[in-house]
């Protein structure tokens, strides 16, 4: 899921890309190699659910990097 995280991070930091992702996801995602499932997930994003999804993605990746005894 690293490509999805890369796209989300880009959308967080690049307002133009984020707007393109919402308005024309096929064009925004054309430069990435994605599975059909990843494409469907990203195409389902909109301005209303993007922040929540990005936050949840961050939470999962942070928790996944914790090692026993270090957090």
PDB file of N, CA and C in Angstrom:
ATOM      1  N   UNK A   1       0.817  -1.195   0.000  1.00  0.00           N
ATOM      2  CA  UNK A   1       0.000   0.000   0.000  1.00  0.00           C
ATOM      3  C   UNK A   1       0.861   1.260   0.000  1.00  0.00           C
ATOM      4  N   UNK A   2       2.131   1.128  -0.236  1.00  0.00           N
ATOM      5  CA  UNK A   2       3.021   2.282  -0.193  1.00  0.00           C
ATOM      6  C   UNK A   2       2.717   3.287  -1.300  1.00  0.00           C
ATOM      7  N   UNK A   3       2.265   2.823  -2.457  1.00  0.00           N
ATOM      8  CA  UNK A   3       1.929   3.754  -3.535  1.00  0.00           C
ATOM      9  C   UNK A   3       0.709   4.586  -3.143  1.00  0.00           C
ATOM     10  N   UNK A   4      -0.260   3.968  -2.507  1.00  0.00           N
ATOM     11  CA  UNK A   4      -1.448   4.689  -2.052  1.00  0.00           C
ATOM     12  C   UNK A   4      -1.036   5.749  -1.038  1.00  0.00           C
ATOM     13  N   UNK A   5      -0.162   5.371  -0.111  1.00  0.00           N
ATOM     14  CA  UNK A   5       0.297   6.337   0.893  1.00  0.00           C
ATOM     15  C   UNK A   5       1.039   7.492   0.223  1.00  0.00           C
ATOM     16  N   UNK A   6       1.841   7.194  -0.785  1.00  0.00           N
ATOM     17  CA  UNK A   6       2.558   8.236  -1.535  1.00  0.00           C
ATOM     18  C   UNK A   6       1.575   9.207  -2.191  1.00  0.00           C
ATOM     19  N   UNK A   7       0.517   8.679  -2.777  1.00  0.00           N
ATOM     20  CA  UNK A   7      -0.499   9.512  -3.432  1.00  0.00           C
ATOM     21  C   UNK A   7      -1.219  10.377  -2.397  1.00  0.00           C
ATOM     22  N   UNK A   8      -1.566   9.790  -1.269  1.00  0.00           N
ATOM     23  CA  UNK A   8      -2.250  10.547  -0.212  1.00  0.00           C
ATOM     24  C   UNK A   8      -1.345  11.657   0.311  1.00  0.00           C
ATOM     25  N   UNK A   9      -0.086  11.340   0.533  1.00  0.00           N
ATOM     26  CA  UNK A   9       0.852  12.356   1.015  1.00  0.00           C
ATOM     27  C   UNK A   9       0.993  13.488   0.000  1.00  0.00           C
ATOM     28  N   UNK A  10       1.020  13.131  -1.279  1.00  0.00           N
ATOM     29  CA  UNK A  10       1.098  14.165  -2.317  1.00  0.00           C
ATOM     30  C   UNK A  10      -0.162  15.030  -2.303  1.00  0.00           C
ATOM     31  N   UNK A  11      -1.298  14.398  -2.151  1.00  0.00           N
ATOM     32  CA  UNK A  11      -2.561  15.151  -2.131  1.00  0.00           C
ATOM     33  C   UNK A  11      -2.650  16.056  -0.912  1.00  0.00           C
ATOM     34  N   UNK A  12      -2.077  15.640   0.204  1.00  0.00           N
ATOM     35  CA  UNK A  12      -2.071  16.469   1.404  1.00  0.00           C
ATOM     36  C   UNK A  12      -1.220  17.719   1.190  1.00  0.00           C
ATOM     37  N   UNK A  13      -0.079  17.552   0.532  1.00  0.00           N
ATOM     38  CA  UNK A  13       0.863  18.669   0.396  1.00  0.00           C
ATOM     39  C   UNK A  13       0.696  19.478  -0.895  1.00  0.00           C
ATOM     40  N   UNK A  14      -0.032  18.951  -1.871  1.00  0.00           N
ATOM     41  CA  UNK A  14      -0.164  19.603  -3.178  1.00  0.00           C
ATOM     42  C   UNK A  14      -1.655  19.814  -3.482  1.00  0.00           C
ATOM     43  N   UNK A  15      -2.129  21.018  -3.220  1.00  0.00           N
ATOM     44  CA  UNK A  15      -3.557  21.315  -3.372  1.00  0.00           C
ATOM     45  C   UNK A  15      -4.046  21.090  -4.805  1.00  0.00           C
ATOM     46  N   UNK A  16      -3.234  21.443  -5.789  1.00  0.00           N
ATOM     47  CA  UNK A  16      -3.620  21.259  -7.194  1.00  0.00           C
ATOM     48  C   UNK A  16      -3.822  19.788  -7.505  1.00  0.00           C
ATOM     49  N   UNK A  17      -2.900  18.940  -7.041  1.00  0.00           N
ATOM     50  CA  UNK A  17      -3.033  17.501  -7.259  1.00  0.00           C
ATOM     51  C   UNK A  17      -4.268  16.966  -6.549  1.00  0.00           C
ATOM     52  N   UNK A  18      -4.516  17.431  -5.308  1.00  0.00           N
ATOM     53  CA  UNK A  18      -5.685  16.979  -4.549  1.00  0.00           C
ATOM     54  C   UNK A  18      -6.974  17.317  -5.293  1.00  0.00           C
ATOM     55  N   UNK A  19      -7.069  18.530  -5.809  1.00  0.00           N
ATOM     56  CA  UNK A  19      -8.261  18.925  -6.561  1.00  0.00           C
ATOM     57  C   UNK A  19      -8.424  18.070  -7.809  1.00  0.00           C
ATOM     58  N   UNK A  20      -7.306  17.752  -8.491  1.00  0.00           N
ATOM     59  CA  UNK A  20      -7.361  16.896  -9.667  1.00  0.00           C
ATOM     60  C   UNK A  20      -7.794  15.480  -9.276  1.00  0.00           C
ATOM     61  N   UNK A  21      -7.315  15.002  -8.148  1.00  0.00           N
ATOM     62  CA  UNK A  21      -7.694  13.676  -7.673  1.00  0.00           C
ATOM     63  C   UNK A  21      -9.204  13.573  -7.471  1.00  0.00           C
ATOM     64  N   UNK A  22      -9.804  14.643  -6.962  1.00  0.00           N
ATOM     65  CA  UNK A  22     -11.253  14.645  -6.745  1.00  0.00           C
ATOM     66  C   UNK A  22     -12.034  14.859  -8.044  1.00  0.00           C
ATOM     67  N   UNK A  23     -11.552  15.723  -8.907  1.00  0.00           N
ATOM     68  CA  UNK A  23     -12.305  16.080 -10.110  1.00  0.00           C
ATOM     69  C   UNK A  23     -12.047  15.152 -11.295  1.00  0.00           C
ATOM     70  N   UNK A  24     -10.845  14.605 -11.398  1.00  0.00           N
ATOM     71  CA  UNK A  24     -10.488  13.732 -12.515  1.00  0.00           C
ATOM     72  C   UNK A  24      -9.493  12.682 -12.036  1.00  0.00           C
ATOM     73  N   UNK A  25      -9.961  11.718 -11.251  1.00  0.00           N
ATOM     74  CA  UNK A  25      -9.044  10.736 -10.667  1.00  0.00           C
ATOM     75  C   UNK A  25      -8.262   9.934 -11.703  1.00  0.00           C
ATOM     76  N   UNK A  26      -8.862   9.630 -12.852  1.00  0.00           N
ATOM     77  CA  UNK A  26      -8.140   8.871 -13.875  1.00  0.00           C
ATOM     78  C   UNK A  26      -6.882   9.617 -14.318  1.00  0.00           C
ATOM     79  N   UNK A  27      -7.010  10.915 -14.518  1.00  0.00           N
ATOM     80  CA  UNK A  27      -5.865  11.719 -14.925  1.00  0.00           C
ATOM     81  C   UNK A  27      -4.846  11.833 -13.791  1.00  0.00           C
ATOM     82  N   UNK A  28      -5.321  12.072 -12.575  1.00  0.00           N
ATOM     83  CA  UNK A  28      -4.423  12.223 -11.425  1.00  0.00           C
ATOM     84  C   UNK A  28      -3.635  10.943 -11.162  1.00  0.00           C
ATOM     85  N   UNK A  29      -4.252   9.801 -11.386  1.00  0.00           N
ATOM     86  CA  UNK A  29      -3.625   8.519 -11.063  1.00  0.00           C
ATOM     87  C   UNK A  29      -2.891   7.888 -12.235  1.00  0.00           C
ATOM     88  N   UNK A  30      -2.940   8.518 -13.396  1.00  0.00           N
ATOM     89  CA  UNK A  30      -2.389   7.911 -14.607  1.00  0.00           C
ATOM     90  C   UNK A  30      -0.888   7.635 -14.537  1.00  0.00           C
ATOM     91  N   UNK A  31      -0.159   8.384 -13.737  1.00  0.00           N
ATOM     92  CA  UNK A  31       1.293   8.184 -13.671  1.00  0.00           C
ATOM     93  C   UNK A  31       1.706   7.126 -12.640  1.00  0.00           C
ATOM     94  N   UNK A  32       0.730   6.547 -11.957  1.00  0.00           N
ATOM     95  CA  UNK A  32       1.021   5.558 -10.921  1.00  0.00           C
ATOM     96  C   UNK A  32       0.605   4.167 -11.374  1.00  0.00           C
ATOM     97  N   UNK A  33       1.358   3.146 -10.943  1.00  0.00           N
ATOM     98  CA  UNK A  33       0.979   1.763 -11.180  1.00  0.00           C
ATOM     99  C   UNK A  33       0.174   1.291  -9.984  1.00  0.00           C
ATOM    100  N   UNK A  34      -1.112   1.102 -10.211  1.00  0.00           N
ATOM    101  CA  UNK A  34      -2.025   0.740  -9.127  1.00  0.00           C
ATOM    102  C   UNK A  34      -2.828  -0.497  -9.495  1.00  0.00           C
ATOM    103  N   UNK A  35      -3.182  -1.264  -8.475  1.00  0.00           N
ATOM    104  CA  UNK A  35      -4.100  -2.382  -8.705  1.00  0.00           C
ATOM    105  C   UNK A  35      -5.504  -1.806  -8.880  1.00  0.00           C
ATOM    106  N   UNK A  36      -6.407  -2.611  -9.375  1.00  0.00           N
ATOM    107  CA  UNK A  36      -7.798  -2.173  -9.520  1.00  0.00           C
ATOM    108  C   UNK A  36      -8.393  -1.811  -8.166  1.00  0.00           C
ATOM    109  N   UNK A  37      -8.028  -2.553  -7.119  1.00  0.00           N
ATOM    110  CA  UNK A  37      -8.533  -2.264  -5.774  1.00  0.00           C
ATOM    111  C   UNK A  37      -8.022  -0.905  -5.283  1.00  0.00           C
ATOM    112  N   UNK A  38      -6.751  -0.615  -5.503  1.00  0.00           N
ATOM    113  CA  UNK A  38      -6.184   0.669  -5.091  1.00  0.00           C
ATOM    114  C   UNK A  38      -6.841   1.824  -5.855  1.00  0.00           C
ATOM    115  N   UNK A  39      -7.040   1.630  -7.161  1.00  0.00           N
ATOM    116  CA  UNK A  39      -7.712   2.662  -7.961  1.00  0.00           C
ATOM    117  C   UNK A  39      -9.122   2.926  -7.438  1.00  0.00           C
ATOM    118  N   UNK A  40      -9.855   1.865  -7.155  1.00  0.00           N
ATOM    119  CA  UNK A  40     -11.232   2.019  -6.653  1.00  0.00           C
ATOM    120  C   UNK A  40     -11.236   2.753  -5.315  1.00  0.00           C
ATOM    121  N   UNK A  41     -10.306   2.414  -4.449  1.00  0.00           N
ATOM    122  CA  UNK A  41     -10.206   3.076  -3.156  1.00  0.00           C
ATOM    123  C   UNK A  41      -9.956   4.569  -3.326  1.00  0.00           C
ATOM    124  N   UNK A  42      -9.001   4.926  -4.161  1.00  0.00           N
ATOM    125  CA  UNK A  42      -8.643   6.329  -4.357  1.00  0.00           C
ATOM    126  C   UNK A  42      -9.728   7.099  -5.110  1.00  0.00           C
ATOM    127  N   UNK A  43     -10.399   6.442  -6.038  1.00  0.00           N
ATOM    128  CA  UNK A  43     -11.484   7.105  -6.772  1.00  0.00           C
ATOM    129  C   UNK A  43     -12.685   7.371  -5.878  1.00  0.00           C
ATOM    130  N   UNK A  44     -12.785   6.640  -4.778  1.00  0.00           N
ATOM    131  CA  UNK A  44     -13.884   6.838  -3.844  1.00  0.00           C
ATOM    132  C   UNK A  44     -13.672   8.012  -2.899  1.00  0.00           C
ATOM    133  N   UNK A  45     -12.507   8.622  -2.959  1.00  0.00           N
ATOM    134  CA  UNK A  45     -12.221   9.753  -2.081  1.00  0.00           C
ATOM    135  C   UNK A  45     -12.839  11.037  -2.614  1.00  0.00           C
ATOM    136  N   UNK A  46     -13.241  11.899  -1.690  1.00  0.00           N
ATOM    137  CA  UNK A  46     -13.732  13.227  -2.051  1.00  0.00           C
ATOM    138  C   UNK A  46     -13.326  14.188  -0.941  1.00  0.00           C
ATOM    139  N   UNK A  47     -13.636  15.433  -1.107  1.00  0.00           N
ATOM    140  CA  UNK A  47     -13.224  16.450  -0.137  1.00  0.00           C
ATOM    141  C   UNK A  47     -13.779  16.156   1.254  1.00  0.00           C
ATOM    142  N   UNK A  48     -14.947  15.540   1.324  1.00  0.00           N
ATOM    143  CA  UNK A  48     -15.578  15.278   2.611  1.00  0.00           C
ATOM    144  C   UNK A  48     -14.898  14.139   3.371  1.00  0.00           C
ATOM    145  N   UNK A  49     -14.439  13.107   2.674  1.00  0.00           N
ATOM    146  CA  UNK A  49     -13.869  11.958   3.381  1.00  0.00           C
ATOM    147  C   UNK A  49     -12.344  11.874   3.296  1.00  0.00           C
ATOM    148  N   UNK A  50     -11.711  12.771   2.564  1.00  0.00           N
ATOM    149  CA  UNK A  50     -10.271  12.701   2.364  1.00  0.00           C
ATOM    150  C   UNK A  50      -9.486  12.848   3.663  1.00  0.00           C
ATOM    151  N   UNK A  51      -9.800  13.866   4.461  1.00  0.00           N
ATOM    152  CA  UNK A  51      -9.042  14.110   5.694  1.00  0.00           C
ATOM    153  C   UNK A  51      -9.137  12.926   6.647  1.00  0.00           C
ATOM    154  N   UNK A  52     -10.326  12.369   6.764  1.00  0.00           N
ATOM    155  CA  UNK A  52     -10.499  11.211   7.640  1.00  0.00           C
ATOM    156  C   UNK A  52      -9.690  10.024   7.134  1.00  0.00           C
ATOM    157  N   UNK A  53      -9.745   9.760   5.825  1.00  0.00           N
ATOM    158  CA  UNK A  53      -8.991   8.647   5.252  1.00  0.00           C
ATOM    159  C   UNK A  53      -7.492   8.858   5.446  1.00  0.00           C
ATOM    160  N   UNK A  54      -7.006  10.063   5.161  1.00  0.00           N
ATOM    161  CA  UNK A  54      -5.578  10.352   5.303  1.00  0.00           C
ATOM    162  C   UNK A  54      -5.141  10.183   6.753  1.00  0.00           C
ATOM    163  N   UNK A  55      -5.953  10.631   7.687  1.00  0.00           N
ATOM    164  CA  UNK A  55      -5.633  10.473   9.100  1.00  0.00           C
ATOM    165  C   UNK A  55      -5.604   9.019   9.524  1.00  0.00           C
ATOM    166  N   UNK A  56      -6.565   8.245   9.049  1.00  0.00           N
ATOM    167  CA  UNK A  56      -6.596   6.818   9.366  1.00  0.00           C
ATOM    168  C   UNK A  56      -5.418   6.088   8.771  1.00  0.00           C
ATOM    169  N   UNK A  57      -5.005   6.463   7.584  1.00  0.00           N
ATOM    170  CA  UNK A  57      -3.859   5.846   6.938  1.00  0.00           C
ATOM    171  C   UNK A  57      -2.604   6.127   7.749  1.00  0.00           C
ATOM    172  N   UNK A  58      -2.466   7.350   8.224  1.00  0.00           N
ATOM    173  CA  UNK A  58      -1.337   7.730   9.069  1.00  0.00           C
ATOM    174  C   UNK A  58      -1.336   6.931  10.365  1.00  0.00           C
ATOM    175  N   UNK A  59      -2.498   6.796  10.980  1.00  0.00           N
ATOM    176  CA  UNK A  59      -2.603   6.043  12.233  1.00  0.00           C
ATOM    177  C   UNK A  59      -2.168   4.598  12.037  1.00  0.00           C
ATOM    178  N   UNK A  60      -2.618   3.970  10.958  1.00  0.00           N
ATOM    179  CA  UNK A  60      -2.271   2.570  10.703  1.00  0.00           C
ATOM    180  C   UNK A  60      -0.785   2.413  10.466  1.00  0.00           C
ATOM    181  N   UNK A  61      -0.182   3.312   9.695  1.00  0.00           N
ATOM    182  CA  UNK A  61       1.239   3.165   9.399  1.00  0.00           C
ATOM    183  C   UNK A  61       2.081   3.448  10.632  1.00  0.00           C
ATOM    184  N   UNK A  62       1.663   4.357  11.470  1.00  0.00           N
ATOM    185  CA  UNK A  62       2.398   4.653  12.697  1.00  0.00           C
ATOM    186  C   UNK A  62       2.340   3.460  13.639  1.00  0.00           C
ATOM    187  N   UNK A  63       1.153   2.892  13.817  1.00  0.00           N
ATOM    188  CA  UNK A  63       1.001   1.749  14.708  1.00  0.00           C
ATOM    189  C   UNK A  63       1.748   0.533  14.173  1.00  0.00           C
ATOM    190  N   UNK A  64       1.787   0.387  12.856  1.00  0.00           N
ATOM    191  CA  UNK A  64       2.483  -0.743  12.265  1.00  0.00           C
ATOM    192  C   UNK A  64       3.982  -0.668  12.442  1.00  0.00           C
ATOM    193  N   UNK A  65       4.522   0.520  12.696  1.00  0.00           N
ATOM    194  CA  UNK A  65       5.959   0.679  12.844  1.00  0.00           C
ATOM    195  C   UNK A  65       6.417   0.552  14.289  1.00  0.00           C
ATOM    196  N   UNK A  66       5.490   0.431  15.219  1.00  0.00           N
ATOM    197  CA  UNK A  66       5.875   0.304  16.618  1.00  0.00           C
ATOM    198  C   UNK A  66       6.388  -1.099  16.876  1.00  0.00           C
ATOM    199  N   UNK A  67       7.449  -1.185  17.646  1.00  0.00           N
ATOM    200  CA  UNK A  67       7.987  -2.466  18.041  1.00  0.00           C
ATOM    201  C   UNK A  67       7.702  -2.659  19.526  1.00  0.00           C
ATOM    202  N   UNK A  68       7.548  -3.904  19.986  1.00  0.00           N
ATOM    203  CA  UNK A  68       7.279  -4.136  21.403  1.00  0.00           C
ATOM    204  C   UNK A  68       8.331  -3.432  22.262  1.00  0.00           C
ATOM    205  N   UNK A  69       7.859  -2.737  23.280  1.00  0.00           N
ATOM    206  CA  UNK A  69       8.764  -2.066  24.194  1.00  0.00           C
ATOM    207  C   UNK A  69       9.201  -0.677  23.752  1.00  0.00           C
ATOM    208  N   UNK A  70       8.724  -0.228  22.594  1.00  0.00           N
ATOM    209  CA  UNK A  70       9.127   1.078  22.078  1.00  0.00           C
ATOM    210  C   UNK A  70       7.927   1.981  21.851  1.00  0.00           C
ATOM    211  N   UNK A  71       6.988   2.031  22.691  1.00  0.00           N
ATOM    212  CA  UNK A  71       5.900   2.920  22.438  1.00  0.00           C
ATOM    213  C   UNK A  71       4.827   2.799  23.404  1.00  0.00           C
TER     214      UNK A  71
END
